[in-house]
PDB file of N, CA and C in Angstrom:
ATOM      1  N   MET A   1     -11.146 -27.727  41.661  1.00  0.00           N
ATOM      2  CA  MET A   1      -9.761 -27.518  41.334  1.00  0.00           C
ATOM      3  C   MET A   1      -9.545 -26.012  41.141  1.00  0.00           C
ATOM      4  N   THR A   2      -8.504 -25.506  41.726  1.00  0.00           N
ATOM      5  CA  THR A   2      -8.228 -24.076  41.627  1.00  0.00           C
ATOM      6  C   THR A   2      -7.631 -23.755  40.258  1.00  0.00           C
ATOM      7  N   PRO A   3      -7.758 -22.518  39.812  1.00  0.00           N
ATOM      8  CA  PRO A   3      -7.209 -22.143  38.500  1.00  0.00           C
ATOM      9  C   PRO A   3      -5.694 -22.332  38.406  1.00  0.00           C
ATOM     10  N   THR A   4      -4.985 -22.149  39.518  1.00  0.00           N
ATOM     11  CA  THR A   4      -3.531 -22.318  39.498  1.00  0.00           C
ATOM     12  C   THR A   4      -3.150 -23.762  39.242  1.00  0.00           C
ATOM     13  N   ILE A   5      -3.828 -24.675  39.904  1.00  0.00           N
ATOM     14  CA  ILE A   5      -3.550 -26.099  39.706  1.00  0.00           C
ATOM     15  C   ILE A   5      -3.924 -26.516  38.291  1.00  0.00           C
ATOM     16  N   ALA A   6      -5.053 -26.028  37.806  1.00  0.00           N
ATOM     17  CA  ALA A   6      -5.482 -26.362  36.448  1.00  0.00           C
ATOM     18  C   ALA A   6      -4.481 -25.850  35.420  1.00  0.00           C
ATOM     19  N   ALA A   7      -4.001 -24.628  35.602  1.00  0.00           N
ATOM     20  CA  ALA A   7      -3.017 -24.071  34.664  1.00  0.00           C
ATOM     21  C   ALA A   7      -1.711 -24.845  34.715  1.00  0.00           C
ATOM     22  N   THR A   8      -1.298 -25.253  35.914  1.00  0.00           N
ATOM     23  CA  THR A   8      -0.070 -26.029  36.061  1.00  0.00           C
ATOM     24  C   THR A   8      -0.200 -27.384  35.381  1.00  0.00           C
ATOM     25  N   LEU A   9      -1.309 -28.066  35.597  1.00  0.00           N
ATOM     26  CA  LEU A   9      -1.532 -29.362  34.957  1.00  0.00           C
ATOM     27  C   LEU A   9      -1.607 -29.233  33.436  1.00  0.00           C
ATOM     28  N   LEU A  10      -2.248 -28.185  32.966  1.00  0.00           N
ATOM     29  CA  LEU A  10      -2.331 -27.961  31.524  1.00  0.00           C
ATOM     30  C   LEU A  10      -0.949 -27.709  30.928  1.00  0.00           C
ATOM     31  N   THR A  11      -0.131 -26.930  31.615  1.00  0.00           N
ATOM     32  CA  THR A  11       1.222 -26.654  31.131  1.00  0.00           C
ATOM     33  C   THR A  11       2.074 -27.910  31.115  1.00  0.00           C
ATOM     34  N   ILE A  12       1.999 -28.686  32.182  1.00  0.00           N
ATOM     35  CA  ILE A  12       2.763 -29.935  32.246  1.00  0.00           C
ATOM     36  C   ILE A  12       2.317 -30.894  31.151  1.00  0.00           C
ATOM     37  N   THR A  13       1.023 -30.985  30.907  1.00  0.00           N
ATOM     38  CA  THR A  13       0.499 -31.848  29.856  1.00  0.00           C
ATOM     39  C   THR A  13       0.970 -31.390  28.480  1.00  0.00           C
ATOM     40  N   ALA A  14       0.944 -30.085  28.227  1.00  0.00           N
ATOM     41  CA  ALA A  14       1.361 -29.562  26.930  1.00  0.00           C
ATOM     42  C   ALA A  14       2.855 -29.796  26.693  1.00  0.00           C
ATOM     43  N   VAL A  15       3.669 -29.566  27.715  1.00  0.00           N
ATOM     44  CA  VAL A  15       5.115 -29.785  27.577  1.00  0.00           C
ATOM     45  C   VAL A  15       5.414 -31.262  27.358  1.00  0.00           C
ATOM     46  N   THR A  16       4.731 -32.133  28.075  1.00  0.00           N
ATOM     47  CA  THR A  16       4.923 -33.568  27.899  1.00  0.00           C
ATOM     48  C   THR A  16       4.504 -34.013  26.503  1.00  0.00           C
ATOM     49  N   ALA A  17       3.377 -33.518  26.023  1.00  0.00           N
ATOM     50  CA  ALA A  17       2.915 -33.881  24.678  1.00  0.00           C
ATOM     51  C   ALA A  17       3.895 -33.398  23.614  1.00  0.00           C
ATOM     52  N   TYR A  18       4.420 -32.184  23.765  1.00  0.00           N
ATOM     53  CA  TYR A  18       5.392 -31.668  22.800  1.00  0.00           C
ATOM     54  C   TYR A  18       6.694 -32.467  22.867  1.00  0.00           C
ATOM     55  N   GLY A  19       7.108 -32.861  24.063  1.00  0.00           N
ATOM     56  CA  GLY A  19       8.308 -33.684  24.207  1.00  0.00           C
ATOM     57  C   GLY A  19       8.152 -35.033  23.527  1.00  0.00           C
ATOM     58  N   ILE A  20       6.995 -35.641  23.677  1.00  0.00           N
ATOM     59  CA  ILE A  20       6.738 -36.920  23.008  1.00  0.00           C
ATOM     60  C   ILE A  20       6.700 -36.729  21.498  1.00  0.00           C
ATOM     61  N   ALA A  21       6.102 -35.635  21.033  1.00  0.00           N
ATOM     62  CA  ALA A  21       6.063 -35.361  19.591  1.00  0.00           C
ATOM     63  C   ALA A  21       7.470 -35.157  19.038  1.00  0.00           C
ATOM     64  N   CYS A  22       8.326 -34.482  19.783  1.00  0.00           N
ATOM     65  CA  CYS A  22       9.709 -34.279  19.333  1.00  0.00           C
ATOM     66  C   CYS A  22      10.491 -35.574  19.338  1.00  0.00           C
ATOM     67  N   TRP A  23      10.141 -36.487  20.216  1.00  0.00           N
ATOM     68  CA  TRP A  23      10.827 -37.772  20.282  1.00  0.00           C
ATOM     69  C   TRP A  23      10.361 -38.692  19.151  1.00  0.00           C
ATOM     70  N   VAL A  24       9.055 -38.737  18.916  1.00  0.00           N
ATOM     71  CA  VAL A  24       8.506 -39.636  17.902  1.00  0.00           C
ATOM     72  C   VAL A  24       8.697 -39.069  16.491  1.00  0.00           C
ATOM     73  N   ILE A  25       8.418 -37.794  16.316  1.00  0.00           N
ATOM     74  CA  ILE A  25       8.524 -37.145  15.003  1.00  0.00           C
ATOM     75  C   ILE A  25       9.470 -35.955  15.149  1.00  0.00           C
ATOM     76  N   PRO A  26      10.794 -36.184  15.032  1.00  0.00           N
ATOM     77  CA  PRO A  26      11.738 -35.095  15.282  1.00  0.00           C
ATOM     78  C   PRO A  26      11.753 -34.020  14.201  1.00  0.00           C
ATOM     79  N   PHE A  27      11.243 -34.317  13.023  1.00  0.00           N
ATOM     80  CA  PHE A  27      11.268 -33.343  11.933  1.00  0.00           C
ATOM     81  C   PHE A  27       9.873 -32.813  11.646  1.00  0.00           C
ATOM     82  N   GLY A  28       9.792 -31.519  11.367  1.00  0.00           N
ATOM     83  CA  GLY A  28       8.553 -30.873  10.955  1.00  0.00           C
ATOM     84  C   GLY A  28       8.745 -30.275   9.572  1.00  0.00           C
ATOM     85  N   THR A  29       7.683 -29.782   8.982  1.00  0.00           N
ATOM     86  CA  THR A  29       7.815 -29.182   7.659  1.00  0.00           C
ATOM     87  C   THR A  29       8.472 -27.813   7.767  1.00  0.00           C
ATOM     88  N   CYS A  30       9.209 -27.473   6.747  1.00  0.00           N
ATOM     89  CA  CYS A  30       9.892 -26.176   6.704  1.00  0.00           C
ATOM     90  C   CYS A  30       8.837 -25.087   6.502  1.00  0.00           C
ATOM     91  N   ARG A  31       8.896 -24.056   7.323  1.00  0.00           N
ATOM     92  CA  ARG A  31       7.915 -22.980   7.208  1.00  0.00           C
ATOM     93  C   ARG A  31       8.267 -22.018   6.090  1.00  0.00           C
ATOM     94  N   SER A  32       9.507 -22.008   5.682  1.00  0.00           N
ATOM     95  CA  SER A  32       9.927 -21.083   4.638  1.00  0.00           C
ATOM     96  C   SER A  32       9.412 -21.522   3.258  1.00  0.00           C
ATOM     97  N   CYS A  33       9.530 -22.817   2.955  1.00  0.00           N
ATOM     98  CA  CYS A  33       9.086 -23.313   1.644  1.00  0.00           C
ATOM     99  C   CYS A  33       7.803 -24.121   1.746  1.00  0.00           C
ATOM    100  N   LYS A  34       7.248 -24.218   2.952  1.00  0.00           N
ATOM    101  CA  LYS A  34       6.009 -24.971   3.218  1.00  0.00           C
ATOM    102  C   LYS A  34       6.137 -26.455   2.874  1.00  0.00           C
ATOM    103  N   GLY A  35       7.342 -27.002   3.037  1.00  0.00           N
ATOM    104  CA  GLY A  35       7.562 -28.423   2.835  1.00  0.00           C
ATOM    105  C   GLY A  35       7.857 -28.852   1.418  1.00  0.00           C
ATOM    106  N   THR A  36       7.939 -27.930   0.477  1.00  0.00           N
ATOM    107  CA  THR A  36       8.207 -28.319  -0.900  1.00  0.00           C
ATOM    108  C   THR A  36       9.694 -28.474  -1.176  1.00  0.00           C
ATOM    109  N   GLY A  37      10.535 -27.761  -0.439  1.00  0.00           N
ATOM    110  CA  GLY A  37      11.969 -27.818  -0.665  1.00  0.00           C
ATOM    111  C   GLY A  37      12.457 -26.795  -1.670  1.00  0.00           C
ATOM    112  N   HIS A  38      11.536 -26.057  -2.286  1.00  0.00           N
ATOM    113  CA  HIS A  38      11.914 -25.057  -3.290  1.00  0.00           C
ATOM    114  C   HIS A  38      11.173 -23.755  -3.029  1.00  0.00           C
ATOM    115  N   ARG A  39      11.827 -22.672  -3.445  1.00  0.00           N
ATOM    116  CA  ARG A  39      11.232 -21.349  -3.331  1.00  0.00           C
ATOM    117  C   ARG A  39      11.310 -20.670  -4.690  1.00  0.00           C
ATOM    118  N   PRO A  40      10.404 -19.756  -4.970  1.00  0.00           N
ATOM    119  CA  PRO A  40      10.507 -19.042  -6.240  1.00  0.00           C
ATOM    120  C   PRO A  40      11.759 -18.179  -6.283  1.00  0.00           C
ATOM    121  N   GLY A  41      12.293 -18.007  -7.481  1.00  0.00           N
ATOM    122  CA  GLY A  41      13.482 -17.184  -7.646  1.00  0.00           C
ATOM    123  C   GLY A  41      13.199 -15.723  -7.338  1.00  0.00           C
ATOM    124  N   ARG A  42      14.251 -14.964  -7.167  1.00  0.00           N
ATOM    125  CA  ARG A  42      14.094 -13.568  -6.786  1.00  0.00           C
ATOM    126  C   ARG A  42      13.531 -12.729  -7.937  1.00  0.00           C
ATOM    127  N   PHE A  43      14.048 -12.931  -9.129  1.00  0.00           N
ATOM    128  CA  PHE A  43      13.610 -12.121 -10.265  1.00  0.00           C
ATOM    129  C   PHE A  43      12.658 -12.894 -11.174  1.00  0.00           C
ATOM    130  N   ALA A  44      13.011 -14.100 -11.498  1.00  0.00           N
ATOM    131  CA  ALA A  44      12.152 -14.927 -12.349  1.00  0.00           C
ATOM    132  C   ALA A  44      11.286 -15.809 -11.453  1.00  0.00           C
ATOM    133  N   ARG A  45      10.049 -15.441 -11.299  1.00  0.00           N
ATOM    134  CA  ARG A  45       9.169 -16.156 -10.370  1.00  0.00           C
ATOM    135  C   ARG A  45       8.879 -17.580 -10.822  1.00  0.00           C
ATOM    136  N   SER A  46       9.037 -17.865 -12.104  1.00  0.00           N
ATOM    137  CA  SER A  46       8.743 -19.212 -12.578  1.00  0.00           C
ATOM    138  C   SER A  46       9.904 -20.168 -12.276  1.00  0.00           C
ATOM    139  N   ARG A  47      11.088 -19.629 -12.026  1.00  0.00           N
ATOM    140  CA  ARG A  47      12.246 -20.471 -11.745  1.00  0.00           C
ATOM    141  C   ARG A  47      12.299 -20.789 -10.249  1.00  0.00           C
ATOM    142  N   LEU A  48      12.306 -22.074  -9.929  1.00  0.00           N
ATOM    143  CA  LEU A  48      12.349 -22.493  -8.536  1.00  0.00           C
ATOM    144  C   LEU A  48      13.796 -22.709  -8.111  1.00  0.00           C
ATOM    145  N   ARG A  49      14.104 -22.216  -6.925  1.00  0.00           N
ATOM    146  CA  ARG A  49      15.430 -22.410  -6.354  1.00  0.00           C
ATOM    147  C   ARG A  49      15.305 -23.271  -5.109  1.00  0.00           C
ATOM    148  N   PRO A  50      16.367 -24.004  -4.774  1.00  0.00           N
ATOM    149  CA  PRO A  50      16.309 -24.807  -3.554  1.00  0.00           C
ATOM    150  C   PRO A  50      16.186 -23.916  -2.317  1.00  0.00           C
ATOM    151  N   CYS A  51      15.439 -24.365  -1.360  1.00  0.00           N
ATOM    152  CA  CYS A  51      15.250 -23.619  -0.121  1.00  0.00           C
ATOM    153  C   CYS A  51      16.550 -23.681   0.686  1.00  0.00           C
ATOM    154  N   ARG A  52      17.038 -22.516   1.113  1.00  0.00           N
ATOM    155  CA  ARG A  52      18.279 -22.472   1.888  1.00  0.00           C
ATOM    156  C   ARG A  52      18.058 -22.892   3.328  1.00  0.00           C
ATOM    157  N   ARG A  53      16.887 -22.685   3.834  1.00  0.00           N
ATOM    158  CA  ARG A  53      16.624 -22.981   5.235  1.00  0.00           C
ATOM    159  C   ARG A  53      16.627 -24.473   5.522  1.00  0.00           C
ATOM    160  N   CYS A  54      16.011 -25.256   4.651  1.00  0.00           N
ATOM    161  CA  CYS A  54      15.933 -26.708   4.872  1.00  0.00           C
ATOM    162  C   CYS A  54      16.851 -27.488   3.943  1.00  0.00           C
ATOM    163  N   ARG A  55      17.635 -26.787   3.134  1.00  0.00           N
ATOM    164  CA  ARG A  55      18.550 -27.400   2.162  1.00  0.00           C
ATOM    165  C   ARG A  55      17.810 -28.320   1.206  1.00  0.00           C
ATOM    166  N   ALA A  56      16.670 -27.862   0.749  1.00  0.00           N
ATOM    167  CA  ALA A  56      15.838 -28.511  -0.271  1.00  0.00           C
ATOM    168  C   ALA A  56      15.253 -29.847   0.163  1.00  0.00           C
ATOM    169  N   SER A  57      15.177 -30.100   1.462  1.00  0.00           N
ATOM    170  CA  SER A  57      14.572 -31.350   1.911  1.00  0.00           C
ATOM    171  C   SER A  57      13.100 -31.166   2.271  1.00  0.00           C
ATOM    172  N   GLY A  58      12.719 -29.947   2.605  1.00  0.00           N
ATOM    173  CA  GLY A  58      11.343 -29.687   3.014  1.00  0.00           C
ATOM    174  C   GLY A  58      11.077 -29.996   4.471  1.00  0.00           C
ATOM    175  N   ARG A  59      12.095 -30.471   5.198  1.00  0.00           N
ATOM    176  CA  ARG A  59      11.942 -30.858   6.596  1.00  0.00           C
ATOM    177  C   ARG A  59      12.933 -30.069   7.453  1.00  0.00           C
ATOM    178  N   ARG A  60      12.516 -29.723   8.667  1.00  0.00           N
ATOM    179  CA  ARG A  60      13.372 -29.017   9.613  1.00  0.00           C
ATOM    180  C   ARG A  60      13.303 -29.721  10.964  1.00  0.00           C
ATOM    181  N   LEU A  61      14.421 -29.703  11.682  1.00  0.00           N
ATOM    182  CA  LEU A  61      14.461 -30.285  13.012  1.00  0.00           C
ATOM    183  C   LEU A  61      13.672 -29.381  13.959  1.00  0.00           C
ATOM    184  N   ARG A  62      12.792 -29.972  14.746  1.00  0.00           N
ATOM    185  CA  ARG A  62      11.963 -29.189  15.673  1.00  0.00           C
ATOM    186  C   ARG A  62      12.826 -28.537  16.745  1.00  0.00           C
ATOM    187  N   TYR A  63      12.353 -27.426  17.288  1.00  0.00           N
ATOM    188  CA  TYR A  63      13.111 -26.709  18.317  1.00  0.00           C
ATOM    189  C   TYR A  63      13.316 -27.568  19.555  1.00  0.00           C
ATOM    190  N   GLY A  64      12.304 -28.311  19.950  1.00  0.00           N
ATOM    191  CA  GLY A  64      12.425 -29.167  21.123  1.00  0.00           C
ATOM    192  C   GLY A  64      13.450 -30.267  20.920  1.00  0.00           C
ATOM    193  N   ARG A  65      13.490 -30.843  19.725  1.00  0.00           N
ATOM    194  CA  ARG A  65      14.471 -31.883  19.437  1.00  0.00           C
ATOM    195  C   ARG A  65      15.878 -31.297  19.372  1.00  0.00           C
ATOM    196  N   ARG A  66      15.985 -30.096  18.832  1.00  0.00           N
ATOM    197  CA  ARG A  66      17.289 -29.425  18.790  1.00  0.00           C
ATOM    198  C   ARG A  66      17.799 -29.157  20.201  1.00  0.00           C
ATOM    199  N   ALA A  67      16.910 -28.729  21.096  1.00  0.00           N
ATOM    200  CA  ALA A  67      17.296 -28.499  22.490  1.00  0.00           C
ATOM    201  C   ALA A  67      17.691 -29.814  23.163  1.00  0.00           C
ATOM    202  N   TYR A  68      16.939 -30.884  22.893  1.00  0.00           N
ATOM    203  CA  TYR A  68      17.271 -32.192  23.456  1.00  0.00           C
ATOM    204  C   TYR A  68      18.636 -32.661  22.967  1.00  0.00           C
ATOM    205  N   ASN A  69      18.909 -32.532  21.674  1.00  0.00           N
ATOM    206  CA  ASN A  69      20.205 -32.949  21.127  1.00  0.00           C
ATOM    207  C   ASN A  69      21.338 -32.168  21.765  1.00  0.00           C
ATOM    208  N   TYR A  70      21.141 -30.862  21.967  1.00  0.00           N
ATOM    209  CA  TYR A  70      22.174 -30.036  22.583  1.00  0.00           C
ATOM    210  C   TYR A  70      22.429 -30.474  24.027  1.00  0.00           C
ATOM    211  N   LEU A  71      21.360 -30.680  24.790  1.00  0.00           N
ATOM    212  CA  LEU A  71      21.528 -31.091  26.177  1.00  0.00           C
ATOM    213  C   LEU A  71      22.143 -32.487  26.285  1.00  0.00           C
ATOM    214  N   ALA A  72      21.800 -33.377  25.378  1.00  0.00           N
ATOM    215  CA  ALA A  72      22.399 -34.713  25.379  1.00  0.00           C
ATOM    216  C   ALA A  72      23.889 -34.631  25.054  1.00  0.00           C
ATOM    217  N   LYS A  73      24.256 -33.750  24.138  1.00  0.00           N
ATOM    218  CA  LYS A  73      25.666 -33.564  23.783  1.00  0.00           C
ATOM    219  C   LYS A  73      26.449 -33.015  24.976  1.00  0.00           C
ATOM    220  N   VAL A  74      25.878 -32.024  25.663  1.00  0.00           N
ATOM    221  CA  VAL A  74      26.539 -31.458  26.840  1.00  0.00           C
ATOM    222  C   VAL A  74      26.704 -32.531  27.910  1.00  0.00           C
ATOM    223  N   HIS A  75      25.688 -33.342  28.108  1.00  0.00           N
ATOM    224  CA  HIS A  75      25.758 -34.412  29.104  1.00  0.00           C
ATOM    225  C   HIS A  75      26.839 -35.429  28.747  1.00  0.00           C
ATOM    226  N   ARG A  76      26.921 -35.825  27.473  1.00  0.00           N
ATOM    227  CA  ARG A  76      27.952 -36.774  27.041  1.00  0.00           C
ATOM    228  C   ARG A  76      29.346 -36.219  27.252  1.00  0.00           C
ATOM    229  N   GLU A  77      29.535 -34.933  26.912  1.00  0.00           N
ATOM    230  CA  GLU A  77      30.861 -34.334  27.048  1.00  0.00           C
ATOM    231  C   GLU A  77      31.280 -34.219  28.504  1.00  0.00           C
ATOM    232  N   ARG A  78      30.354 -33.884  29.376  1.00  0.00           N
ATOM    233  CA  ARG A  78      30.700 -33.721  30.790  1.00  0.00           C
ATOM    234  C   ARG A  78      30.861 -35.045  31.516  1.00  0.00           C
ATOM    235  N   SER A  79      30.213 -36.094  31.023  1.00  0.00           N
ATOM    236  CA  SER A  79      30.323 -37.382  31.704  1.00  0.00           C
ATOM    237  C   SER A  79      31.507 -38.193  31.199  1.00  0.00           C
ATOM    238  N   GLY A  80      32.263 -37.674  30.264  1.00  0.00           N
ATOM    239  CA  GLY A  80      33.458 -38.376  29.806  1.00  0.00           C
ATOM    240  C   GLY A  80      33.235 -39.243  28.588  1.00  0.00           C
ATOM    241  N   GLY A  81      32.226 -39.006  27.820  1.00  0.00           N
ATOM    242  CA  GLY A  81      31.997 -39.756  26.587  1.00  0.00           C
ATOM    243  C   GLY A  81      31.015 -40.885  26.788  1.00  0.00           C
ATOM    244  N   THR A  82      30.839 -41.641  25.744  1.00  0.00           N
ATOM    245  CA  THR A  82      29.898 -42.753  25.800  1.00  0.00           C
ATOM    246  C   THR A  82      30.594 -43.981  26.345  1.00  0.00           C
ATOM    247  N   GLN A  83      29.861 -44.819  27.004  1.00  0.00           N
ATOM    248  CA  GLN A  83      30.385 -46.046  27.568  1.00  0.00           C
ATOM    249  C   GLN A  83      30.204 -47.180  26.568  1.00  0.00           C
ATOM    250  N   PRO A  84      31.137 -48.133  26.532  1.00  0.00           N
ATOM    251  CA  PRO A  84      30.958 -49.268  25.630  1.00  0.00           C
ATOM    252  C   PRO A  84      29.740 -50.086  26.030  1.00  0.00           C
ATOM    253  N   THR A  85      28.950 -50.462  25.067  1.00  0.00           N
ATOM    254  CA  THR A  85      27.704 -51.144  25.377  1.00  0.00           C
ATOM    255  C   THR A  85      27.777 -52.640  25.128  1.00  0.00           C
ATOM    256  N   THR A  86      28.707 -53.101  24.328  1.00  0.00           N
ATOM    257  CA  THR A  86      28.780 -54.529  24.042  1.00  0.00           C
ATOM    258  C   THR A  86      29.958 -55.145  24.764  1.00  0.00           C
ATOM    259  N   GLU A  87      29.913 -56.437  24.904  1.00  0.00           N
ATOM    260  CA  GLU A  87      30.990 -57.164  25.583  1.00  0.00           C
ATOM    261  C   GLU A  87      32.291 -57.049  24.795  1.00  0.00           C
ATOM    262  N   LEU A  88      32.197 -57.087  23.471  1.00  0.00           N
ATOM    263  CA  LEU A  88      33.396 -56.941  22.649  1.00  0.00           C
ATOM    264  C   LEU A  88      34.040 -55.575  22.827  1.00  0.00           C
ATOM    265  N   ALA A  89      33.222 -54.543  22.939  1.00  0.00           N
ATOM    266  CA  ALA A  89      33.766 -53.205  23.142  1.00  0.00           C
ATOM    267  C   ALA A  89      34.441 -53.101  24.507  1.00  0.00           C
ATOM    268  N   ARG A  90      33.873 -53.734  25.529  1.00  0.00           N
ATOM    269  CA  ARG A  90      34.501 -53.718  26.856  1.00  0.00           C
ATOM    270  C   ARG A  90      35.835 -54.454  26.838  1.00  0.00           C
ATOM    271  N   LEU A  91      35.866 -55.608  26.172  1.00  0.00           N
ATOM    272  CA  LEU A  91      37.118 -56.346  26.077  1.00  0.00           C
ATOM    273  C   LEU A  91      38.169 -55.559  25.306  1.00  0.00           C
ATOM    274  N   ARG A  92      37.770 -54.910  24.232  1.00  0.00           N
ATOM    275  CA  ARG A  92      38.705 -54.109  23.442  1.00  0.00           C
ATOM    276  C   ARG A  92      39.271 -52.978  24.282  1.00  0.00           C
ATOM    277  N   ASP A  93      38.440 -52.334  25.073  1.00  0.00           N
ATOM    278  CA  ASP A  93      38.918 -51.250  25.925  1.00  0.00           C
ATOM    279  C   ASP A  93      39.853 -51.764  27.012  1.00  0.00           C
ATOM    280  N   GLN A  94      39.557 -52.932  27.566  1.00  0.00           N
ATOM    281  CA  GLN A  94      40.442 -53.495  28.581  1.00  0.00           C
ATOM    282  C   GLN A  94      41.794 -53.863  27.991  1.00  0.00           C
ATOM    283  N   ILE A  95      41.806 -54.397  26.774  1.00  0.00           N
ATOM    284  CA  ILE A  95      43.052 -54.767  26.126  1.00  0.00           C
ATOM    285  C   ILE A  95      43.883 -53.528  25.821  1.00  0.00           C
ATOM    286  N   THR A  96      43.249 -52.479  25.323  1.00  0.00           N
ATOM    287  CA  THR A  96      44.008 -51.268  24.990  1.00  0.00           C
ATOM    288  C   THR A  96      44.527 -50.561  26.226  1.00  0.00           C
ATOM    289  N   LYS A  97      43.853 -50.730  27.366  1.00  0.00           N
ATOM    290  CA  LYS A  97      44.321 -50.116  28.610  1.00  0.00           C
ATOM    291  C   LYS A  97      45.331 -51.003  29.336  1.00  0.00           C
ATOM    292  N   GLY A  98      45.573 -52.210  28.831  1.00  0.00           N
ATOM    293  CA  GLY A  98      46.538 -53.090  29.451  1.00  0.00           C
ATOM    294  C   GLY A  98      45.960 -53.967  30.546  1.00  0.00           C
ATOM    295  N   GLY A  99      44.656 -54.069  30.620  1.00  0.00           N
ATOM    296  CA  GLY A  99      44.013 -54.866  31.657  1.00  0.00           C
ATOM    297  C   GLY A  99      44.064 -56.358  31.376  1.00  0.00           C
ATOM    298  N   LEU A 100      44.063 -56.771  30.119  1.00  0.00           N
ATOM    299  CA  LEU A 100      44.132 -58.173  29.736  1.00  0.00           C
ATOM    300  C   LEU A 100      45.394 -58.401  28.913  1.00  0.00           C
ATOM    301  N   SER A 101      45.974 -59.569  29.072  1.00  0.00           N
ATOM    302  CA  SER A 101      47.189 -59.878  28.313  1.00  0.00           C
ATOM    303  C   SER A 101      46.927 -60.998  27.338  1.00  0.00           C
TER     304      SER A 101
END
Protein backbone atom coordinates (compact mmCIF):
# COMPACT_ATOMS: atom_id res chain seq x y z
CA MET A 1 0.00 0.00 0.00
CA THR A 2 1.40 3.38 -0.94
CA PRO A 3 1.79 6.11 1.70
CA THR A 4 -0.81 8.28 -0.04
CA ILE A 5 -3.47 5.59 0.11
CA ALA A 6 -2.59 4.79 3.72
CA ALA A 7 -2.83 8.46 4.71
CA THR A 8 -6.16 8.81 2.90
CA LEU A 9 -7.60 5.73 4.60
CA LEU A 10 -6.35 6.91 7.98
CA THR A 11 -7.93 10.33 7.47
CA ILE A 12 -11.24 8.85 6.37
CA THR A 13 -11.23 6.49 9.36
CA ALA A 14 -10.46 9.31 11.80
CA VAL A 15 -13.18 11.58 10.39
CA THR A 16 -15.71 8.74 10.47
CA ALA A 17 -14.80 7.86 14.06
CA TYR A 18 -15.12 11.50 15.15
CA GLY A 19 -18.47 11.78 13.34
CA ILE A 20 -19.78 8.71 15.15
CA ALA A 21 -18.49 10.09 18.47
CA CYS A 22 -20.29 13.39 17.83
CA TRP A 23 -23.47 11.51 17.00
CA VAL A 24 -23.38 9.14 19.98
CA ILE A 25 -21.87 11.52 22.56
CA PRO A 26 -22.64 15.09 21.41
CA PHE A 27 -21.35 16.72 24.60
CA GLY A 28 -17.78 16.80 25.90
CA THR A 29 -16.35 18.19 29.11
CA CYS A 30 -15.74 21.92 29.31
CA ARG A 31 -12.05 22.69 28.94
CA SER A 32 -12.33 25.94 30.83
CA CYS A 33 -13.58 24.47 34.13
CA LYS A 34 -12.48 20.87 33.42
CA GLY A 35 -16.05 19.61 33.78
CA THR A 36 -16.75 20.93 37.26
CA GLY A 37 -19.00 23.80 36.18
CA HIS A 38 -17.22 26.26 38.48
CA ARG A 39 -14.11 28.39 38.32
CA PRO A 40 -12.22 30.14 41.09
CA GLY A 41 -13.09 33.77 41.64
CA ARG A 42 -10.88 36.52 40.33
CA PHE A 43 -9.81 37.96 43.69
CA ALA A 44 -10.97 35.46 46.29
CA ARG A 45 -9.59 32.14 45.12
CA SER A 46 -11.65 30.20 47.65
CA ARG A 47 -14.92 31.53 46.20
CA LEU A 48 -16.15 29.49 43.25
CA ARG A 49 -18.06 31.18 40.46
CA PRO A 50 -20.13 29.49 37.77
CA CYS A 51 -18.26 28.85 34.55
CA ARG A 52 -19.38 31.28 31.84
CA ARG A 53 -18.30 29.06 28.99
CA CYS A 54 -20.50 26.07 29.84
CA ARG A 55 -23.05 27.97 31.98
CA ALA A 56 -22.16 25.87 35.03
CA SER A 57 -23.10 22.55 33.45
CA GLY A 58 -19.57 21.27 32.91
CA ARG A 59 -20.51 20.08 29.41
CA ARG A 60 -19.94 21.68 26.00
CA LEU A 61 -21.31 20.79 22.58
CA ARG A 62 -18.56 19.27 20.43
CA TYR A 63 -17.37 21.21 17.38
CA GLY A 64 -18.40 18.41 15.03
CA ARG A 65 -21.90 18.28 16.48
CA ARG A 66 -22.18 22.06 16.27
CA ALA A 67 -21.21 21.91 12.59
CA TYR A 68 -23.73 19.10 12.00
CA ASN A 69 -26.52 21.09 13.70
CA TYR A 70 -25.70 24.14 11.59
CA LEU A 71 -25.69 22.18 8.34
CA ALA A 72 -28.94 20.43 9.27
CA LYS A 73 -30.54 23.81 10.01
CA VAL A 74 -29.39 25.20 6.65
CA HIS A 75 -30.75 22.12 4.89
CA ARG A 76 -34.14 22.42 6.65
CA GLU A 77 -34.43 26.10 5.79
CA ARG A 78 -33.57 25.60 2.13
CA SER A 79 -35.83 22.59 1.66
CA GLY A 80 -38.88 24.46 2.93
CA GLY A 81 -39.12 23.20 6.50
CA THR A 82 -39.85 19.85 8.00
CA GLN A 83 -42.38 17.50 6.48
CA PRO A 84 -45.24 16.07 8.55
CA THR A 85 -44.32 12.59 9.67
CA THR A 86 -47.59 11.26 11.05
CA GLU A 87 -50.88 10.60 9.32
CA LEU A 88 -52.65 13.03 11.64
CA ALA A 89 -50.21 15.78 10.73
CA ARG A 90 -50.77 15.12 7.01
CA LEU A 91 -54.53 15.24 7.45
CA ARG A 92 -54.28 18.46 9.46
CA ASP A 93 -52.18 20.06 6.73
CA GLN A 94 -54.61 18.95 4.03
CA ILE A 95 -57.55 20.38 5.98
CA THR A 96 -55.83 23.72 6.55
CA LYS A 97 -54.92 23.95 2.85
CA GLY A 98 -58.50 23.21 1.84
CA GLY A 99 -57.81 19.76 0.40
CA LEU A 100 -60.41 17.96 2.55
CA SER A 101 -63.88 19.17 3.44
